[in-house]
Amino acid sequence: MSLINNINKVFDHRIRLGIMSILMVNDYADFNTLKELLDVTDGNLASHVKALENADYMSVEKRFIGRKPNTRYAATTLGRAEFKKHIDALEKLINTQ
């Protein structure tokens, strides 16, 4: 079996890796929190969030806090499992070098 079989192309960008890392240790994070922690533009973050959402790796909840819209993200069960497999595969790859 190839060592890179479980490396997931969805996570091959540093921003998506960062988003999932944040969501793995937090129940959820809102758009502004992710933007601030990852130091990215609105458009850049939005495109990577969309990729994770399309893969069913994160859920999106839109709500209002007072009169302000707030978008909050959480890793799905599938997203958590796939991210863990990806990280495990990277660790195995690193440890065999």
Protein backbone atom coordinates (compact mmCIF):
# COMPACT_ATOMS: atom_id res chain seq x y z
CA MET A 1 0.00 0.00 0.00
CA SER A 2 1.28 3.44 -0.91
CA LEU A 3 2.06 5.82 1.94
CA ILE A 4 0.20 8.64 0.22
CA ASN A 5 -3.13 6.83 -0.27
CA ASN A 6 -4.79 8.65 2.63
CA ILE A 7 -3.42 12.09 1.78
CA ASN A 8 -6.50 14.10 0.87
CA LYS A 9 -6.28 16.66 -1.96
CA VAL A 10 -9.01 18.77 -0.33
CA PHE A 11 -6.57 19.57 2.48
CA ASP A 12 -3.57 20.32 0.24
CA HIS A 13 -3.84 24.09 0.66
CA ARG A 14 -2.51 25.78 3.80
CA ILE A 15 -5.71 27.79 4.32
CA ARG A 16 -7.95 24.70 4.22
CA LEU A 17 -5.50 22.90 6.49
CA GLY A 18 -5.69 25.89 8.85
CA ILE A 19 -9.49 26.04 8.78
CA MET A 20 -9.80 22.36 9.63
CA SER A 21 -7.12 22.58 12.32
CA ILE A 22 -9.08 25.37 14.01
CA LEU A 23 -12.36 23.45 13.72
CA MET A 24 -10.82 20.26 15.12
CA VAL A 25 -10.05 21.97 18.44
CA ASN A 26 -13.13 24.20 18.61
CA ASP A 27 -16.80 23.28 18.35
CA TYR A 28 -17.20 26.08 15.82
CA ALA A 29 -15.63 29.29 14.55
CA ASP A 30 -17.21 32.26 12.84
CA PHE A 31 -16.03 33.87 9.61
CA ASN A 32 -14.27 36.80 11.26
CA THR A 33 -12.44 34.56 13.72
CA LEU A 34 -11.16 32.33 10.91
CA LYS A 35 -10.20 35.39 8.84
CA GLU A 36 -8.25 36.89 11.74
CA LEU A 37 -6.52 33.67 12.83
CA LEU A 38 -5.49 32.75 9.28
CA ASP A 39 -4.72 36.32 8.15
CA VAL A 40 -6.58 36.02 4.84
CA THR A 41 -8.93 38.19 2.79
CA ASP A 42 -12.71 37.71 2.76
CA GLY A 43 -12.67 36.34 -0.79
CA ASN A 44 -9.79 33.98 -0.16
CA LEU A 45 -11.38 32.56 2.97
CA ALA A 46 -14.80 32.28 1.29
CA SER A 47 -13.42 30.20 -1.59
CA HIS A 48 -11.66 27.76 0.74
CA VAL A 49 -14.68 27.49 3.04
CA LYS A 50 -16.79 26.68 -0.03
CA ALA A 51 -14.40 23.88 -1.05
CA LEU A 52 -14.66 22.31 2.43
CA GLU A 53 -18.43 22.79 2.47
CA ASN A 54 -18.79 21.17 -0.98
CA ALA A 55 -16.84 18.16 0.27
CA ASP A 56 -19.24 17.92 3.26
CA TYR A 57 -16.30 18.44 5.63
CA MET A 58 -17.83 21.47 7.34
CA SER A 59 -21.29 22.75 8.11
CA VAL A 60 -22.37 26.37 7.81
CA GLU A 61 -24.84 28.13 10.08
CA LYS A 62 -26.01 31.62 9.19
CA ARG A 63 -27.65 33.62 11.96
CA PHE A 64 -27.99 37.09 13.35
CA ILE A 65 -26.42 38.47 16.50
CA GLY A 66 -28.54 41.51 17.21
CA ARG A 67 -28.94 42.94 13.72
CA LYS A 68 -25.58 41.77 12.42
CA PRO A 69 -25.30 38.67 10.24
CA ASN A 70 -22.95 36.01 11.59
CA THR A 71 -21.75 32.91 9.74
CA ARG A 72 -20.45 30.10 11.87
CA TYR A 73 -18.67 26.92 10.74
CA ALA A 74 -18.20 23.51 12.31
CA ALA A 75 -16.39 20.39 11.18
CA THR A 76 -18.77 17.57 10.24
CA THR A 77 -18.28 14.00 11.45
CA LEU A 78 -17.03 13.13 7.95
CA GLY A 79 -14.72 16.14 7.93
CA ARG A 80 -13.22 15.20 11.30
CA ALA A 81 -12.64 11.60 10.19
CA GLU A 82 -11.09 12.60 6.84
CA PHE A 83 -8.86 15.24 8.42
CA LYS A 84 -7.62 12.75 11.01
CA LYS A 85 -6.82 10.23 8.25
CA HIS A 86 -4.97 12.96 6.33
CA ILE A 87 -2.88 14.00 9.36
CA ASP A 88 -2.13 10.35 10.22
CA ALA A 89 -0.98 9.75 6.62
CA LEU A 90 1.29 12.81 6.74
CA GLU A 91 2.80 11.64 10.03
CA LYS A 92 3.48 8.17 8.61
CA LEU A 93 5.07 9.72 5.53
CA ILE A 94 7.30 11.96 7.65
CA ASN A 95 8.29 9.13 9.99
CA THR A 96 9.38 6.83 7.16
CA GLN A 97 11.84 9.33 5.68
